[in-house]
Amino acid sequence: MIPNDPVMLLSFVNLKLRDFYDSLDALCDDLDVDRSEIEAKLSAINYTYNNERNQFV
């Protein structure tokens, strides 16, 4: 289960991307979560996924 709070979600996702996954798609596939849902929640606090950095910035 992933956090619902956008700020907690940001921290959770960026940590997982840094330590365990080489892409957002890999994280979503492994955790069985909807990429568009994560992106929408983080977009609400002005964060977008950066492919080159493999993190939300």
PDB file of N, CA and C in Angstrom:
ATOM      1  N   MET A   1       0.847  -1.191   0.000  1.00  0.00           N
ATOM      2  CA  MET A   1       0.000   0.000   0.000  1.00  0.00           C
ATOM      3  C   MET A   1       0.887   1.248   0.000  1.00  0.00           C
ATOM      4  N   ILE A   2       0.501   2.210  -0.818  1.00  0.00           N
ATOM      5  CA  ILE A   2       1.272   3.449  -0.907  1.00  0.00           C
ATOM      6  C   ILE A   2       0.539   4.547  -0.133  1.00  0.00           C
ATOM      7  N   PRO A   3       1.291   5.553   0.329  1.00  0.00           N
ATOM      8  CA  PRO A   3       0.661   6.644   1.088  1.00  0.00           C
ATOM      9  C   PRO A   3      -0.349   7.427   0.251  1.00  0.00           C
ATOM     10  N   ASN A   4      -1.392   7.918   0.898  1.00  0.00           N
ATOM     11  CA  ASN A   4      -2.389   8.754   0.219  1.00  0.00           C
ATOM     12  C   ASN A   4      -2.011  10.224   0.249  1.00  0.00           C
ATOM     13  N   ASP A   5      -1.366  10.656   1.316  1.00  0.00           N
ATOM     14  CA  ASP A   5      -0.945  12.049   1.433  1.00  0.00           C
ATOM     15  C   ASP A   5       0.105  12.343   0.360  1.00  0.00           C
ATOM     16  N   PRO A   6      -0.088  13.392  -0.444  1.00  0.00           N
ATOM     17  CA  PRO A   6       0.841  13.673  -1.546  1.00  0.00           C
ATOM     18  C   PRO A   6       2.294  13.882  -1.108  1.00  0.00           C
ATOM     19  N   VAL A   7       2.523  14.538   0.006  1.00  0.00           N
ATOM     20  CA  VAL A   7       3.899  14.788   0.451  1.00  0.00           C
ATOM     21  C   VAL A   7       4.553  13.476   0.897  1.00  0.00           C
ATOM     22  N   MET A   8       3.809  12.649   1.596  1.00  0.00           N
ATOM     23  CA  MET A   8       4.325  11.344   2.005  1.00  0.00           C
ATOM     24  C   MET A   8       4.535  10.448   0.783  1.00  0.00           C
ATOM     25  N   LEU A   9       3.634  10.555  -0.172  1.00  0.00           N
ATOM     26  CA  LEU A   9       3.764   9.787  -1.408  1.00  0.00           C
ATOM     27  C   LEU A   9       5.030  10.194  -2.156  1.00  0.00           C
ATOM     28  N   LEU A  10       5.298  11.469  -2.231  1.00  0.00           N
ATOM     29  CA  LEU A  10       6.500  11.968  -2.889  1.00  0.00           C
ATOM     30  C   LEU A  10       7.747  11.358  -2.259  1.00  0.00           C
ATOM     31  N   SER A  11       7.835  11.417  -0.967  1.00  0.00           N
ATOM     32  CA  SER A  11       8.980  10.855  -0.257  1.00  0.00           C
ATOM     33  C   SER A  11       9.100   9.354  -0.504  1.00  0.00           C
ATOM     34  N   PHE A  12       7.995   8.647  -0.393  1.00  0.00           N
ATOM     35  CA  PHE A  12       7.960   7.202  -0.583  1.00  0.00           C
ATOM     36  C   PHE A  12       8.416   6.820  -1.995  1.00  0.00           C
ATOM     37  N   VAL A  13       7.826   7.465  -2.995  1.00  0.00           N
ATOM     38  CA  VAL A  13       8.123   7.115  -4.383  1.00  0.00           C
ATOM     39  C   VAL A  13       9.568   7.455  -4.733  1.00  0.00           C
ATOM     40  N   ASN A  14      10.042   8.626  -4.355  1.00  0.00           N
ATOM     41  CA  ASN A  14      11.416   8.993  -4.686  1.00  0.00           C
ATOM     42  C   ASN A  14      12.421   8.080  -3.995  1.00  0.00           C
ATOM     43  N   LEU A  15      12.145   7.676  -2.768  1.00  0.00           N
ATOM     44  CA  LEU A  15      13.023   6.734  -2.075  1.00  0.00           C
ATOM     45  C   LEU A  15      13.057   5.393  -2.814  1.00  0.00           C
ATOM     46  N   LYS A  16      11.887   4.885  -3.186  1.00  0.00           N
ATOM     47  CA  LYS A  16      11.817   3.613  -3.904  1.00  0.00           C
ATOM     48  C   LYS A  16      12.524   3.705  -5.253  1.00  0.00           C
ATOM     49  N   LEU A  17      12.338   4.822  -5.961  1.00  0.00           N
ATOM     50  CA  LEU A  17      12.997   5.003  -7.248  1.00  0.00           C
ATOM     51  C   LEU A  17      14.511   5.058  -7.084  1.00  0.00           C
ATOM     52  N   ARG A  18      14.966   5.735  -6.075  1.00  0.00           N
ATOM     53  CA  ARG A  18      16.408   5.870  -5.836  1.00  0.00           C
ATOM     54  C   ARG A  18      17.033   4.536  -5.459  1.00  0.00           C
ATOM     55  N   ASP A  19      16.369   3.787  -4.593  1.00  0.00           N
ATOM     56  CA  ASP A  19      16.994   2.596  -4.008  1.00  0.00           C
ATOM     57  C   ASP A  19      16.661   1.274  -4.697  1.00  0.00           C
ATOM     58  N   PHE A  20      15.515   1.187  -5.392  1.00  0.00           N
ATOM     59  CA  PHE A  20      15.079  -0.119  -5.858  1.00  0.00           C
ATOM     60  C   PHE A  20      14.667  -0.218  -7.326  1.00  0.00           C
ATOM     61  N   TYR A  21      14.280   0.877  -7.962  1.00  0.00           N
ATOM     62  CA  TYR A  21      13.714   0.793  -9.302  1.00  0.00           C
ATOM     63  C   TYR A  21      14.434   1.717 -10.269  1.00  0.00           C
ATOM     64  N   ASP A  22      14.575   1.261 -11.512  1.00  0.00           N
ATOM     65  CA  ASP A  22      15.243   2.086 -12.516  1.00  0.00           C
ATOM     66  C   ASP A  22      14.275   2.934 -13.330  1.00  0.00           C
ATOM     67  N   SER A  23      12.962   2.819 -13.027  1.00  0.00           N
ATOM     68  CA  SER A  23      11.979   3.657 -13.717  1.00  0.00           C
ATOM     69  C   SER A  23      10.665   3.675 -12.930  1.00  0.00           C
ATOM     70  N   LEU A  24       9.856   4.666 -13.221  1.00  0.00           N
ATOM     71  CA  LEU A  24       8.537   4.755 -12.601  1.00  0.00           C
ATOM     72  C   LEU A  24       7.656   3.591 -13.053  1.00  0.00           C
ATOM     73  N   ASP A  25       7.791   3.195 -14.308  1.00  0.00           N
ATOM     74  CA  ASP A  25       7.006   2.062 -14.793  1.00  0.00           C
ATOM     75  C   ASP A  25       7.349   0.779 -14.046  1.00  0.00           C
ATOM     76  N   ALA A  26       8.623   0.559 -13.761  1.00  0.00           N
ATOM     77  CA  ALA A  26       9.042  -0.639 -13.020  1.00  0.00           C
ATOM     78  C   ALA A  26       8.449  -0.629 -11.620  1.00  0.00           C
ATOM     79  N   LEU A  27       8.468   0.536 -10.969  1.00  0.00           N
ATOM     80  CA  LEU A  27       7.886   0.668  -9.627  1.00  0.00           C
ATOM     81  C   LEU A  27       6.395   0.356  -9.669  1.00  0.00           C
ATOM     82  N   CYS A  28       5.694   0.950 -10.607  1.00  0.00           N
ATOM     83  CA  CYS A  28       4.243   0.756 -10.712  1.00  0.00           C
ATOM     84  C   CYS A  28       3.887  -0.693 -11.007  1.00  0.00           C
ATOM     85  N   ASP A  29       4.636  -1.320 -11.905  1.00  0.00           N
ATOM     86  CA  ASP A  29       4.382  -2.727 -12.222  1.00  0.00           C
ATOM     87  C   ASP A  29       4.592  -3.606 -10.992  1.00  0.00           C
ATOM     88  N   ASP A  30       5.684  -3.386 -10.301  1.00  0.00           N
ATOM     89  CA  ASP A  30       6.014  -4.221  -9.150  1.00  0.00           C
ATOM     90  C   ASP A  30       5.042  -4.039  -7.991  1.00  0.00           C
ATOM     91  N   LEU A  31       4.641  -2.785  -7.745  1.00  0.00           N
ATOM     92  CA  LEU A  31       3.736  -2.504  -6.629  1.00  0.00           C
ATOM     93  C   LEU A  31       2.266  -2.579  -7.033  1.00  0.00           C
ATOM     94  N   ASP A  32       2.013  -2.838  -8.301  1.00  0.00           N
ATOM     95  CA  ASP A  32       0.656  -2.936  -8.841  1.00  0.00           C
ATOM     96  C   ASP A  32      -0.165  -1.678  -8.539  1.00  0.00           C
ATOM     97  N   VAL A  33       0.423  -0.534  -8.923  1.00  0.00           N
ATOM     98  CA  VAL A  33      -0.260   0.757  -8.751  1.00  0.00           C
ATOM     99  C   VAL A  33      -0.373   1.445 -10.103  1.00  0.00           C
ATOM    100  N   ASP A  34      -1.319   2.354 -10.202  1.00  0.00           N
ATOM    101  CA  ASP A  34      -1.593   3.074 -11.435  1.00  0.00           C
ATOM    102  C   ASP A  34      -0.669   4.286 -11.547  1.00  0.00           C
ATOM    103  N   ARG A  35       0.160   4.301 -12.589  1.00  0.00           N
ATOM    104  CA  ARG A  35       1.106   5.397 -12.783  1.00  0.00           C
ATOM    105  C   ARG A  35       0.394   6.749 -12.875  1.00  0.00           C
ATOM    106  N   SER A  36      -0.707   6.796 -13.610  1.00  0.00           N
ATOM    107  CA  SER A  36      -1.408   8.069 -13.796  1.00  0.00           C
ATOM    108  C   SER A  36      -1.962   8.595 -12.471  1.00  0.00           C
ATOM    109  N   GLU A  37      -2.325   7.696 -11.575  1.00  0.00           N
ATOM    110  CA  GLU A  37      -2.818   8.106 -10.259  1.00  0.00           C
ATOM    111  C   GLU A  37      -1.702   8.749  -9.436  1.00  0.00           C
ATOM    112  N   ILE A  38      -0.525   8.151  -9.455  1.00  0.00           N
ATOM    113  CA  ILE A  38       0.629   8.716  -8.754  1.00  0.00           C
ATOM    114  C   ILE A  38       0.981  10.069  -9.350  1.00  0.00           C
ATOM    115  N   GLU A  39       1.052  10.128 -10.671  1.00  0.00           N
ATOM    116  CA  GLU A  39       1.414  11.385 -11.329  1.00  0.00           C
ATOM    117  C   GLU A  39       0.387  12.473 -11.041  1.00  0.00           C
ATOM    118  N   ALA A  40      -0.882  12.147 -10.996  1.00  0.00           N
ATOM    119  CA  ALA A  40      -1.921  13.143 -10.711  1.00  0.00           C
ATOM    120  C   ALA A  40      -1.798  13.669  -9.285  1.00  0.00           C
ATOM    121  N   LYS A  41      -1.585  12.776  -8.325  1.00  0.00           N
ATOM    122  CA  LYS A  41      -1.448  13.202  -6.924  1.00  0.00           C
ATOM    123  C   LYS A  41      -0.238  14.100  -6.736  1.00  0.00           C
ATOM    124  N   LEU A  42       0.864  13.744  -7.378  1.00  0.00           N
ATOM    125  CA  LEU A  42       2.076  14.547  -7.214  1.00  0.00           C
ATOM    126  C   LEU A  42       2.038  15.822  -8.052  1.00  0.00           C
ATOM    127  N   SER A  43       1.311  15.794  -9.133  1.00  0.00           N
ATOM    128  CA  SER A  43       1.117  17.010  -9.924  1.00  0.00           C
ATOM    129  C   SER A  43       0.344  18.066  -9.121  1.00  0.00           C
ATOM    130  N   ALA A  44      -0.537  17.602  -8.248  1.00  0.00           N
ATOM    131  CA  ALA A  44      -1.319  18.516  -7.410  1.00  0.00           C
ATOM    132  C   ALA A  44      -0.439  19.328  -6.468  1.00  0.00           C
ATOM    133  N   ILE A  45       0.769  18.820  -6.173  1.00  0.00           N
ATOM    134  CA  ILE A  45       1.708  19.588  -5.333  1.00  0.00           C
ATOM    135  C   ILE A  45       2.910  20.042  -6.169  1.00  0.00           C
ATOM    136  N   ASN A  46       2.678  20.147  -7.483  1.00  0.00           N
ATOM    137  CA  ASN A  46       3.645  20.702  -8.440  1.00  0.00           C
ATOM    138  C   ASN A  46       4.906  19.866  -8.629  1.00  0.00           C
ATOM    139  N   TYR A  47       4.784  18.552  -8.627  1.00  0.00           N
ATOM    140  CA  TYR A  47       5.906  17.662  -8.918  1.00  0.00           C
ATOM    141  C   TYR A  47       5.576  16.838 -10.144  1.00  0.00           C
ATOM    142  N   THR A  48       6.571  16.674 -11.016  1.00  0.00           N
ATOM    143  CA  THR A  48       6.424  15.842 -12.198  1.00  0.00           C
ATOM    144  C   THR A  48       7.595  14.873 -12.266  1.00  0.00           C
ATOM    145  N   TYR A  49       7.368  13.763 -12.937  1.00  0.00           N
ATOM    146  CA  TYR A  49       8.412  12.739 -13.057  1.00  0.00           C
ATOM    147  C   TYR A  49       9.437  13.154 -14.101  1.00  0.00           C
ATOM    148  N   ASN A  50      10.704  13.066 -13.730  1.00  0.00           N
ATOM    149  CA  ASN A  50      11.807  13.359 -14.633  1.00  0.00           C
ATOM    150  C   ASN A  50      12.484  12.032 -14.974  1.00  0.00           C
ATOM    151  N   ASN A  51      12.380  11.612 -16.241  1.00  0.00           N
ATOM    152  CA  ASN A  51      12.958  10.334 -16.677  1.00  0.00           C
ATOM    153  C   ASN A  51      14.464  10.270 -16.485  1.00  0.00           C
ATOM    154  N   GLU A  52      15.161  11.328 -16.823  1.00  0.00           N
ATOM    155  CA  GLU A  52      16.618  11.344 -16.739  1.00  0.00           C
ATOM    156  C   GLU A  52      17.104  11.193 -15.297  1.00  0.00           C
ATOM    157  N   ARG A  53      16.421  11.833 -14.375  1.00  0.00           N
ATOM    158  CA  ARG A  53      16.818  11.760 -12.959  1.00  0.00           C
ATOM    159  C   ARG A  53      16.151  10.604 -12.223  1.00  0.00           C
ATOM    160  N   ASN A  54      15.150  10.006 -12.846  1.00  0.00           N
ATOM    161  CA  ASN A  54      14.372   8.930 -12.251  1.00  0.00           C
ATOM    162  C   ASN A  54      13.834   9.337 -10.877  1.00  0.00           C
ATOM    163  N   GLN A  55      13.229  10.502 -10.854  1.00  0.00           N
ATOM    164  CA  GLN A  55      12.604  10.985  -9.630  1.00  0.00           C
ATOM    165  C   GLN A  55      11.599  12.070  -9.955  1.00  0.00           C
ATOM    166  N   PHE A  56      10.751  12.357  -8.971  1.00  0.00           N
ATOM    167  CA  PHE A  56       9.821  13.473  -9.116  1.00  0.00           C
ATOM    168  C   PHE A  56      10.522  14.733  -8.646  1.00  0.00           C
ATOM    169  N   VAL A  57      10.447  15.753  -9.480  1.00  0.00           N
ATOM    170  CA  VAL A  57      11.080  17.050  -9.168  1.00  0.00           C
ATOM    171  C   VAL A  57      10.080  18.168  -9.354  1.00  0.00           C
TER     172      VAL A  57
END
